[in-house]
Amino acid sequence: MRRVFDFGCGCGRVARQLLLQDPRPRRHMGIDIHRGMVAWCRANLTAVDPAFEFWHHDVFAAGLNPAGENNVLAFPASNDEFTLVQAYSIFPHLVEAHAVHYLNEAARVLRPVGYLHSTWFLFEKRYFPMMQDFQNALFINDRESGADEVELPADEAPFGRHPPPPLRPGAALLGLGGG
């Protein structure tokens, strides 16, 4: 990848791997909400290659950036600028509205033939009876208010493994001209 946008770069895990590549990306921009990690990356990684830059993404997060005044911000990048947007373990920590915003931002900064590489936490909603119909993520409180816990009733939903039916004979050959 020639130009990499690292959303949630943290301590530069992806950047450190890319610095070992030959050839390196022409440009790497990492953003994170943790000021200390951004400062470390600037001091230790930008010093190795000035094409690797790091920016503080100043949005609110109770544990990592409690002084942040914004819920979301635009990426500090131009339209169609990057060939890869990397988002490792970011979207599982966002409320749905923020995830939508940042997916749109990824689409905006990606070149038409660019790639989004992201990780997600997928779950069976039926195993979470406390969730309302409008909730599509386990993390739903956008202000992390630390509200008092409430006691939930016992979960009476059936639980267990429900395997798929066995494959029909020859099913493993589908697509190979044998079935």
N, C-alpha and C. Protein backbone atom coordinates (compact mmCIF):
# COMPACT_ATOMS: atom_id res chain seq x y z
N MET A 1 0.84 -1.18 0.00
CA MET A 1 0.00 0.00 0.00
C MET A 1 0.88 1.24 0.00
N ARG A 2 0.53 2.18 -0.84
CA ARG A 2 1.37 3.37 -0.98
C ARG A 2 1.08 4.44 0.06
N ARG A 3 -0.21 4.59 0.42
CA ARG A 3 -0.60 5.62 1.37
C ARG A 3 -1.56 5.00 2.38
N VAL A 4 -1.17 5.01 3.64
CA VAL A 4 -1.91 4.30 4.69
C VAL A 4 -2.44 5.30 5.71
N PHE A 5 -3.74 5.20 5.99
CA PHE A 5 -4.37 5.97 7.07
C PHE A 5 -4.69 4.98 8.18
N ASP A 6 -4.10 5.18 9.35
CA ASP A 6 -4.22 4.26 10.48
C ASP A 6 -5.13 4.88 11.54
N PHE A 7 -6.42 4.52 11.49
CA PHE A 7 -7.43 5.05 12.40
C PHE A 7 -7.33 4.29 13.71
N GLY A 8 -6.93 5.00 14.77
CA GLY A 8 -6.72 4.34 16.06
C GLY A 8 -5.33 3.71 16.10
N CYS A 9 -4.32 4.48 15.77
CA CYS A 9 -2.96 3.95 15.62
C CYS A 9 -2.34 3.50 16.93
N GLY A 10 -2.87 3.98 18.07
CA GLY A 10 -2.33 3.57 19.36
C GLY A 10 -0.84 3.80 19.44
N CYS A 11 -0.11 2.77 19.86
CA CYS A 11 1.34 2.88 20.04
C CYS A 11 2.10 2.60 18.76
N GLY A 12 1.43 2.65 17.62
CA GLY A 12 2.11 2.51 16.34
C GLY A 12 2.38 1.07 15.94
N ARG A 13 1.56 0.15 16.39
CA ARG A 13 1.78 -1.27 16.07
C ARG A 13 1.84 -1.50 14.57
N VAL A 14 0.88 -0.96 13.82
CA VAL A 14 0.87 -1.12 12.37
C VAL A 14 2.02 -0.33 11.75
N ALA A 15 2.25 0.88 12.23
CA ALA A 15 3.32 1.72 11.67
C ALA A 15 4.67 1.06 11.85
N ARG A 16 4.91 0.44 13.01
CA ARG A 16 6.20 -0.22 13.24
C ARG A 16 6.41 -1.36 12.25
N GLN A 17 5.34 -2.08 11.90
CA GLN A 17 5.47 -3.15 10.91
C GLN A 17 5.73 -2.56 9.53
N LEU A 18 5.04 -1.48 9.20
CA LEU A 18 5.22 -0.86 7.89
C LEU A 18 6.60 -0.24 7.73
N LEU A 19 7.19 0.22 8.82
CA LEU A 19 8.54 0.77 8.76
C LEU A 19 9.57 -0.30 8.38
N LEU A 20 9.24 -1.56 8.60
CA LEU A 20 10.14 -2.66 8.28
C LEU A 20 9.98 -3.15 6.84
N GLN A 21 8.93 -2.67 6.17
CA GLN A 21 8.68 -3.09 4.78
C GLN A 21 9.68 -2.45 3.83
N ASP A 22 9.92 -3.15 2.73
CA ASP A 22 10.74 -2.58 1.67
C ASP A 22 10.02 -2.86 0.35
N PRO A 23 9.45 -1.87 -0.29
CA PRO A 23 9.51 -0.46 0.09
C PRO A 23 8.46 -0.11 1.15
N ARG A 24 8.74 0.95 1.86
CA ARG A 24 7.79 1.47 2.84
C ARG A 24 6.68 2.21 2.11
N PRO A 25 5.54 2.39 2.79
CA PRO A 25 4.52 3.27 2.20
C PRO A 25 5.10 4.68 2.00
N ARG A 26 4.64 5.36 0.97
CA ARG A 26 5.09 6.74 0.73
C ARG A 26 4.60 7.67 1.83
N ARG A 27 3.43 7.32 2.38
CA ARG A 27 2.86 8.17 3.43
C ARG A 27 2.10 7.28 4.40
N HIS A 28 2.20 7.61 5.67
CA HIS A 28 1.43 6.95 6.73
C HIS A 28 0.92 8.05 7.65
N MET A 29 -0.39 8.08 7.86
CA MET A 29 -0.96 9.01 8.81
C MET A 29 -1.71 8.21 9.86
N GLY A 30 -1.28 8.33 11.11
CA GLY A 30 -1.95 7.66 12.21
C GLY A 30 -2.65 8.68 13.09
N ILE A 31 -3.88 8.34 13.53
CA ILE A 31 -4.58 9.20 14.48
C ILE A 31 -5.03 8.35 15.65
N ASP A 32 -5.07 8.96 16.82
CA ASP A 32 -5.53 8.25 18.01
C ASP A 32 -6.03 9.26 19.03
N ILE A 33 -6.91 8.81 19.93
CA ILE A 33 -7.45 9.69 20.96
C ILE A 33 -6.54 9.79 22.18
N HIS A 34 -5.53 8.94 22.26
CA HIS A 34 -4.62 8.94 23.41
C HIS A 34 -3.40 9.81 23.10
N ARG A 35 -3.34 10.98 23.74
CA ARG A 35 -2.26 11.94 23.47
C ARG A 35 -0.87 11.35 23.72
N GLY A 36 -0.73 10.58 24.77
CA GLY A 36 0.57 10.01 25.11
C GLY A 36 1.08 9.07 24.04
N MET A 37 0.20 8.25 23.49
CA MET A 37 0.63 7.33 22.44
C MET A 37 1.02 8.08 21.17
N VAL A 38 0.25 9.11 20.86
CA VAL A 38 0.58 9.92 19.68
C VAL A 38 1.94 10.58 19.88
N ALA A 39 2.20 11.11 21.06
CA ALA A 39 3.49 11.74 21.34
C ALA A 39 4.62 10.73 21.21
N TRP A 40 4.41 9.51 21.72
CA TRP A 40 5.44 8.48 21.62
C TRP A 40 5.72 8.14 20.15
N CYS A 41 4.66 7.98 19.37
CA CYS A 41 4.83 7.66 17.95
C CYS A 41 5.59 8.77 17.23
N ARG A 42 5.25 10.01 17.53
CA ARG A 42 5.97 11.13 16.89
C ARG A 42 7.45 11.09 17.24
N ALA A 43 7.75 10.87 18.52
CA ALA A 43 9.13 10.89 18.97
C ALA A 43 9.93 9.70 18.46
N ASN A 44 9.30 8.55 18.34
CA ASN A 44 10.04 7.33 18.03
C ASN A 44 9.87 6.81 16.61
N LEU A 45 8.77 7.11 15.97
CA LEU A 45 8.53 6.58 14.63
C LEU A 45 8.71 7.63 13.54
N THR A 46 8.18 8.84 13.77
CA THR A 46 8.39 9.91 12.80
C THR A 46 9.88 10.22 12.70
N ALA A 47 10.59 10.04 13.79
CA ALA A 47 12.04 10.27 13.77
C ALA A 47 12.76 9.30 12.83
N VAL A 48 12.20 8.11 12.66
CA VAL A 48 12.79 7.11 11.75
C VAL A 48 12.47 7.44 10.31
N ASP A 49 11.23 7.91 10.06
CA ASP A 49 10.80 8.24 8.70
C ASP A 49 9.78 9.36 8.77
N PRO A 50 10.12 10.56 8.32
CA PRO A 50 9.20 11.70 8.38
C PRO A 50 7.90 11.50 7.58
N ALA A 51 7.84 10.50 6.70
CA ALA A 51 6.60 10.22 5.97
C ALA A 51 5.56 9.57 6.88
N PHE A 52 5.96 9.19 8.09
CA PHE A 52 5.05 8.61 9.08
C PHE A 52 4.69 9.70 10.08
N GLU A 53 3.45 10.17 9.98
CA GLU A 53 3.00 11.25 10.86
C GLU A 53 1.86 10.76 11.75
N PHE A 54 1.71 11.43 12.89
CA PHE A 54 0.72 11.01 13.88
C PHE A 54 0.02 12.24 14.44
N TRP A 55 -1.31 12.12 14.59
CA TRP A 55 -2.13 13.24 15.03
C TRP A 55 -3.06 12.81 16.15
N HIS A 56 -3.26 13.73 17.08
CA HIS A 56 -4.23 13.48 18.16
C HIS A 56 -5.63 13.72 17.61
N HIS A 57 -6.49 12.73 17.77
CA HIS A 57 -7.90 12.83 17.34
C HIS A 57 -8.69 13.20 18.59
N ASP A 58 -8.98 14.46 18.76
CA ASP A 58 -9.49 15.01 20.01
C ASP A 58 -10.99 14.82 20.17
N VAL A 59 -11.40 13.57 20.39
CA VAL A 59 -12.80 13.27 20.69
C VAL A 59 -12.89 12.71 22.10
N PHE A 60 -14.06 12.84 22.70
CA PHE A 60 -14.27 12.41 24.07
C PHE A 60 -14.19 10.89 24.22
N ALA A 61 -13.48 10.46 25.23
CA ALA A 61 -13.50 9.08 25.71
C ALA A 61 -13.12 9.14 27.18
N ALA A 62 -14.00 8.66 28.04
CA ALA A 62 -13.81 8.84 29.49
C ALA A 62 -12.45 8.38 29.97
N GLY A 63 -11.97 7.24 29.49
CA GLY A 63 -10.72 6.71 29.99
C GLY A 63 -9.48 7.22 29.27
N LEU A 64 -9.60 7.60 28.02
CA LEU A 64 -8.43 7.95 27.22
C LEU A 64 -8.32 9.43 26.87
N ASN A 65 -9.45 10.12 26.82
CA ASN A 65 -9.43 11.54 26.46
C ASN A 65 -10.65 12.24 27.08
N PRO A 66 -10.70 12.31 28.42
CA PRO A 66 -11.89 12.86 29.08
C PRO A 66 -12.11 14.35 28.81
N ALA A 67 -11.08 15.06 28.36
CA ALA A 67 -11.24 16.50 28.07
C ALA A 67 -11.75 16.75 26.66
N GLY A 68 -11.88 15.71 25.85
CA GLY A 68 -12.36 15.90 24.48
C GLY A 68 -13.77 16.47 24.46
N GLU A 69 -13.98 17.48 23.63
CA GLU A 69 -15.28 18.14 23.59
C GLU A 69 -16.15 17.68 22.43
N ASN A 70 -15.60 16.89 21.54
CA ASN A 70 -16.34 16.44 20.36
C ASN A 70 -16.69 14.96 20.48
N ASN A 71 -17.80 14.58 19.88
CA ASN A 71 -18.16 13.16 19.81
C ASN A 71 -17.49 12.51 18.61
N VAL A 72 -17.42 13.23 17.52
CA VAL A 72 -16.77 12.76 16.29
C VAL A 72 -16.08 13.94 15.63
N LEU A 73 -15.09 13.65 14.81
CA LEU A 73 -14.41 14.68 14.03
C LEU A 73 -14.12 14.11 12.65
N ALA A 74 -13.94 15.00 11.70
CA ALA A 74 -13.51 14.57 10.38
C ALA A 74 -12.06 14.10 10.47
N PHE A 75 -11.69 13.16 9.62
CA PHE A 75 -10.30 12.75 9.53
C PHE A 75 -9.49 13.93 8.98
N PRO A 76 -8.28 14.14 9.49
CA PRO A 76 -7.46 15.25 9.01
C PRO A 76 -6.77 14.91 7.68
N ALA A 77 -7.57 14.59 6.69
CA ALA A 77 -7.03 14.16 5.40
C ALA A 77 -7.95 14.64 4.29
N SER A 78 -7.39 14.73 3.10
CA SER A 78 -8.15 15.16 1.93
C SER A 78 -8.92 13.99 1.33
N ASN A 79 -9.89 14.33 0.51
CA ASN A 79 -10.66 13.30 -0.22
C ASN A 79 -9.72 12.49 -1.11
N ASP A 80 -10.01 11.20 -1.23
CA ASP A 80 -9.29 10.30 -2.16
C ASP A 80 -7.77 10.30 -1.94
N GLU A 81 -7.32 10.45 -0.73
CA GLU A 81 -5.88 10.58 -0.47
C GLU A 81 -5.17 9.27 -0.17
N PHE A 82 -5.87 8.26 0.35
CA PHE A 82 -5.21 7.06 0.83
C PHE A 82 -5.63 5.81 0.06
N THR A 83 -4.71 4.86 -0.01
CA THR A 83 -5.01 3.59 -0.66
C THR A 83 -5.47 2.53 0.34
N LEU A 84 -5.19 2.75 1.62
CA LEU A 84 -5.61 1.83 2.68
C LEU A 84 -6.02 2.62 3.91
N VAL A 85 -7.19 2.31 4.45
CA VAL A 85 -7.57 2.79 5.78
C VAL A 85 -7.57 1.57 6.67
N GLN A 86 -6.75 1.62 7.71
CA GLN A 86 -6.61 0.54 8.68
C GLN A 86 -7.35 0.94 9.94
N ALA A 87 -8.25 0.09 10.43
CA ALA A 87 -8.99 0.36 11.67
C ALA A 87 -9.06 -0.93 12.47
N TYR A 88 -8.00 -1.18 13.23
CA TYR A 88 -7.92 -2.41 14.00
C TYR A 88 -8.51 -2.19 15.39
N SER A 89 -9.55 -2.93 15.70
CA SER A 89 -10.22 -2.88 17.00
C SER A 89 -10.70 -1.48 17.37
N ILE A 90 -11.32 -0.81 16.40
CA ILE A 90 -11.87 0.53 16.64
C ILE A 90 -13.40 0.48 16.65
N PHE A 91 -13.99 -0.06 15.61
CA PHE A 91 -15.44 -0.03 15.48
C PHE A 91 -16.18 -0.75 16.62
N PRO A 92 -15.64 -1.81 17.22
CA PRO A 92 -16.36 -2.40 18.35
C PRO A 92 -16.51 -1.47 19.55
N HIS A 93 -15.74 -0.39 19.59
CA HIS A 93 -15.79 0.54 20.72
C HIS A 93 -16.62 1.78 20.43
N LEU A 94 -17.26 1.83 19.27
CA LEU A 94 -18.03 3.00 18.89
C LEU A 94 -19.52 2.73 18.96
N VAL A 95 -20.28 3.76 19.30
CA VAL A 95 -21.73 3.64 19.19
C VAL A 95 -22.08 3.66 17.71
N GLU A 96 -23.26 3.20 17.38
CA GLU A 96 -23.64 3.03 15.98
C GLU A 96 -23.52 4.32 15.17
N ALA A 97 -23.98 5.44 15.71
CA ALA A 97 -23.93 6.71 14.97
C ALA A 97 -22.48 7.12 14.69
N HIS A 98 -21.58 6.88 15.63
CA HIS A 98 -20.17 7.22 15.43
C HIS A 98 -19.55 6.29 14.40
N ALA A 99 -19.91 5.01 14.45
CA ALA A 99 -19.40 4.05 13.45
C ALA A 99 -19.81 4.47 12.05
N VAL A 100 -21.05 4.89 11.88
CA VAL A 100 -21.53 5.34 10.58
C VAL A 100 -20.72 6.55 10.12
N HIS A 101 -20.50 7.50 11.03
CA HIS A 101 -19.71 8.69 10.68
C HIS A 101 -18.32 8.28 10.19
N TYR A 102 -17.65 7.41 10.94
CA TYR A 102 -16.28 7.06 10.59
C TYR A 102 -16.20 6.14 9.37
N LEU A 103 -17.22 5.36 9.11
CA LEU A 103 -17.23 4.61 7.85
C LEU A 103 -17.34 5.58 6.67
N ASN A 104 -18.14 6.61 6.83
CA ASN A 104 -18.24 7.63 5.79
C ASN A 104 -16.92 8.38 5.62
N GLU A 105 -16.22 8.64 6.72
CA GLU A 105 -14.92 9.29 6.65
C GLU A 105 -13.91 8.40 5.92
N ALA A 106 -13.94 7.11 6.23
CA ALA A 106 -13.04 6.18 5.55
C ALA A 106 -13.31 6.20 4.05
N ALA A 107 -14.57 6.18 3.67
CA ALA A 107 -14.93 6.21 2.25
C ALA A 107 -14.46 7.52 1.61
N ARG A 108 -14.55 8.61 2.35
CA ARG A 108 -14.15 9.92 1.82
C ARG A 108 -12.65 9.99 1.55
N VAL A 109 -11.82 9.49 2.46
CA VAL A 109 -10.38 9.64 2.30
C VAL A 109 -9.75 8.55 1.43
N LEU A 110 -10.51 7.48 1.16
CA LEU A 110 -9.99 6.40 0.31
C LEU A 110 -10.05 6.76 -1.16
N ARG A 111 -9.04 6.35 -1.88
CA ARG A 111 -9.07 6.47 -3.34
C ARG A 111 -10.11 5.49 -3.87
N PRO A 112 -10.61 5.71 -5.07
CA PRO A 112 -11.65 4.82 -5.61
C PRO A 112 -11.25 3.34 -5.63
N VAL A 113 -9.98 3.04 -5.74
CA VAL A 113 -9.53 1.65 -5.71
C VAL A 113 -8.88 1.30 -4.38
N GLY A 114 -9.18 2.07 -3.32
CA GLY A 114 -8.60 1.84 -2.01
C GLY A 114 -9.31 0.75 -1.24
N TYR A 115 -8.72 0.41 -0.09
CA TYR A 115 -9.24 -0.66 0.75
C TYR A 115 -9.43 -0.17 2.18
N LEU A 116 -10.50 -0.67 2.80
CA LEU A 116 -10.72 -0.49 4.24
C LEU A 116 -10.45 -1.84 4.88
N HIS A 117 -9.51 -1.89 5.80
CA HIS A 117 -9.26 -3.09 6.58
C HIS A 117 -9.67 -2.78 8.01
N SER A 118 -10.72 -3.44 8.48
CA SER A 118 -11.22 -3.16 9.82
C SER A 118 -11.62 -4.45 10.49
N THR A 119 -11.64 -4.42 11.81
CA THR A 119 -12.10 -5.56 12.58
C THR A 119 -13.40 -5.18 13.27
N TRP A 120 -14.22 -6.18 13.51
CA TRP A 120 -15.55 -5.98 14.10
C TRP A 120 -15.81 -7.07 15.11
N PHE A 121 -16.68 -6.78 16.04
CA PHE A 121 -17.15 -7.77 17.00
C PHE A 121 -18.59 -8.08 16.62
N LEU A 122 -18.82 -9.27 16.12
CA LEU A 122 -20.17 -9.67 15.71
C LEU A 122 -20.75 -10.59 16.78
N PHE A 123 -22.04 -10.47 16.99
CA PHE A 123 -22.68 -11.27 18.03
C PHE A 123 -24.11 -11.60 17.64
N GLU A 124 -24.65 -12.60 18.29
CA GLU A 124 -26.04 -12.97 18.11
C GLU A 124 -26.89 -12.14 19.06
N LYS A 125 -27.67 -11.24 18.51
CA LYS A 125 -28.46 -10.32 19.33
C LYS A 125 -29.45 -11.07 20.23
N ARG A 126 -29.88 -12.24 19.82
CA ARG A 126 -30.85 -12.98 20.62
C ARG A 126 -30.28 -13.42 21.97
N TYR A 127 -28.94 -13.45 22.10
CA TYR A 127 -28.33 -13.83 23.37
C TYR A 127 -28.19 -12.65 24.32
N PHE A 128 -28.70 -11.49 23.91
CA PHE A 128 -28.64 -10.29 24.74
C PHE A 128 -30.05 -9.73 24.89
N PRO A 129 -30.88 -10.38 25.71
CA PRO A 129 -32.29 -10.00 25.80
C PRO A 129 -32.52 -8.59 26.34
N MET A 130 -31.50 -8.01 26.96
CA MET A 130 -31.68 -6.66 27.50
C MET A 130 -31.61 -5.58 26.42
N MET A 131 -31.20 -5.96 25.21
CA MET A 131 -31.06 -4.97 24.13
C MET A 131 -32.41 -4.63 23.53
N GLN A 132 -32.59 -3.36 23.23
CA GLN A 132 -33.80 -2.88 22.59
C GLN A 132 -33.70 -3.08 21.08
N ASP A 133 -34.82 -2.98 20.36
CA ASP A 133 -34.81 -3.17 18.92
C ASP A 133 -33.88 -2.19 18.20
N PHE A 134 -33.74 -0.97 18.72
CA PHE A 134 -32.92 0.03 18.05
C PHE A 134 -31.43 -0.15 18.33
N GLN A 135 -31.07 -1.00 19.26
CA GLN A 135 -29.67 -1.19 19.62
C GLN A 135 -29.04 -2.26 18.75
N ASN A 136 -27.95 -1.90 18.09
CA ASN A 136 -27.25 -2.85 17.22
C ASN A 136 -25.79 -3.00 17.60
N ALA A 137 -25.43 -2.49 18.78
CA ALA A 137 -24.07 -2.62 19.28
C ALA A 137 -24.15 -2.83 20.79
N LEU A 138 -23.19 -3.57 21.33
CA LEU A 138 -23.19 -3.78 22.77
C LEU A 138 -22.82 -2.51 23.52
N PHE A 139 -21.98 -1.67 22.91
CA PHE A 139 -21.56 -0.42 23.51
C PHE A 139 -22.46 0.67 22.96
N ILE A 140 -23.36 1.19 23.79
CA ILE A 140 -24.35 2.13 23.27
C ILE A 140 -24.32 3.50 23.94
N ASN A 141 -23.60 3.65 25.04
CA ASN A 141 -23.61 4.91 25.77
C ASN A 141 -22.51 5.81 25.23
N ASP A 142 -22.85 6.84 24.50
CA ASP A 142 -21.83 7.67 23.86
C ASP A 142 -21.13 8.63 24.82
N ARG A 143 -21.54 8.72 26.06
CA ARG A 143 -20.86 9.60 27.00
C ARG A 143 -20.23 8.84 28.16
N GLU A 144 -20.30 7.53 28.19
CA GLU A 144 -19.68 6.71 29.22
C GLU A 144 -19.92 7.34 30.60
N SER A 145 -21.17 7.56 30.94
CA SER A 145 -21.50 8.36 32.11
C SER A 145 -21.22 7.68 33.44
N GLY A 146 -21.04 6.37 33.47
CA GLY A 146 -20.81 5.69 34.73
C GLY A 146 -22.08 5.61 35.56
N ALA A 147 -23.22 5.50 34.90
CA ALA A 147 -24.50 5.41 35.61
C ALA A 147 -24.52 4.18 36.51
N ASP A 148 -25.37 4.24 37.53
CA ASP A 148 -25.49 3.12 38.45
C ASP A 148 -25.95 1.87 37.70
N GLU A 149 -25.43 0.72 38.14
CA GLU A 149 -25.84 -0.53 37.53
C GLU A 149 -27.27 -0.86 37.96
N VAL A 150 -27.97 -1.52 37.08
CA VAL A 150 -29.32 -1.98 37.41
C VAL A 150 -29.32 -3.50 37.39
N GLU A 151 -30.13 -4.08 38.23
CA GLU A 151 -30.21 -5.53 38.27
C GLU A 151 -31.14 -6.01 37.17
N LEU A 152 -30.68 -6.95 36.39
CA LEU A 152 -31.47 -7.51 35.29
C LEU A 152 -32.12 -8.81 35.73
N PRO A 153 -33.29 -9.11 35.17
CA PRO A 153 -33.93 -10.39 35.51
C PRO A 153 -33.10 -11.54 34.95
N ALA A 154 -33.38 -12.72 35.46
CA ALA A 154 -32.68 -13.91 34.98
C ALA A 154 -32.95 -14.10 33.49
N ASP A 155 -31.96 -14.56 32.78
CA ASP A 155 -32.08 -14.82 31.35
C ASP A 155 -32.72 -16.19 31.16
N GLU A 156 -33.93 -16.21 30.64
CA GLU A 156 -34.65 -17.47 30.45
C GLU A 156 -34.61 -17.94 29.00
N ALA A 157 -33.88 -17.25 28.17
CA ALA A 157 -33.79 -17.64 26.77
C ALA A 157 -32.99 -18.94 26.66
N PRO A 158 -33.38 -19.82 25.74
CA PRO A 158 -32.61 -21.06 25.57
C PRO A 158 -31.19 -20.73 25.10
N PHE A 159 -30.26 -21.46 25.65
CA PHE A 159 -28.87 -21.23 25.32
C PHE A 159 -28.24 -22.55 24.92
N GLY A 160 -27.29 -22.46 24.06
CA GLY A 160 -26.59 -23.68 23.66
C GLY A 160 -26.19 -23.61 22.21
N ARG A 161 -25.53 -24.63 21.82
CA ARG A 161 -25.03 -24.71 20.45
C ARG A 161 -26.10 -25.31 19.55
N HIS A 162 -26.32 -24.69 18.42
CA HIS A 162 -27.30 -25.17 17.45
C HIS A 162 -26.57 -25.39 16.13
N PRO A 163 -25.97 -26.58 15.97
CA PRO A 163 -25.17 -26.81 14.76
C PRO A 163 -26.04 -26.87 13.52
N PRO A 164 -25.46 -26.56 12.38
CA PRO A 164 -26.21 -26.65 11.12
C PRO A 164 -26.46 -28.12 10.78
N PRO A 165 -27.41 -28.37 9.90
CA PRO A 165 -27.64 -29.77 9.51
C PRO A 165 -26.41 -30.33 8.81
N PRO A 166 -26.24 -31.65 8.85
CA PRO A 166 -25.07 -32.23 8.18
C PRO A 166 -25.12 -31.98 6.67
N LEU A 167 -23.94 -31.90 6.07
CA LEU A 167 -23.87 -31.70 4.62
C LEU A 167 -24.37 -32.93 3.89
N ARG A 168 -24.99 -32.67 2.76
CA ARG A 168 -25.43 -33.79 1.91
C ARG A 168 -24.20 -34.41 1.24
N PRO A 169 -24.28 -35.68 0.90
CA PRO A 169 -23.15 -36.32 0.22
C PRO A 169 -22.79 -35.53 -1.05
N GLY A 170 -21.51 -35.30 -1.24
CA GLY A 170 -21.02 -34.58 -2.41
C GLY A 170 -21.00 -33.07 -2.25
N ALA A 171 -21.50 -32.53 -1.13
CA ALA A 171 -21.57 -31.07 -0.95
C ALA A 171 -20.19 -30.44 -0.96
N ALA A 172 -19.19 -31.16 -0.48
CA ALA A 172 -17.83 -30.62 -0.45
C ALA A 172 -17.25 -30.43 -1.85
N LEU A 173 -17.90 -31.02 -2.85
CA LEU A 173 -17.40 -30.91 -4.22
C LEU A 173 -18.06 -29.77 -5.00
N LEU A 174 -19.03 -29.08 -4.39
CA LEU A 174 -19.70 -27.98 -5.08
C LEU A 174 -18.68 -26.95 -5.53
N GLY A 175 -18.81 -26.47 -6.72
CA GLY A 175 -17.89 -25.50 -7.27
C GLY A 175 -16.64 -26.11 -7.88
N LEU A 176 -16.46 -27.41 -7.70
CA LEU A 176 -15.29 -28.09 -8.26
C LEU A 176 -15.64 -28.95 -9.46
N GLY A 177 -16.88 -28.81 -9.91
CA GLY A 177 -17.34 -29.58 -11.05
C GLY A 177 -17.75 -31.00 -10.69
N GLY A 178 -17.80 -31.29 -9.39
CA GLY A 178 -18.13 -32.65 -9.00
C GLY A 178 -19.50 -32.78 -8.37
N GLY A 179 -20.30 -31.77 -8.36
CA GLY A 179 -21.58 -31.92 -7.69
C GLY A 179 -22.45 -30.85 -8.10
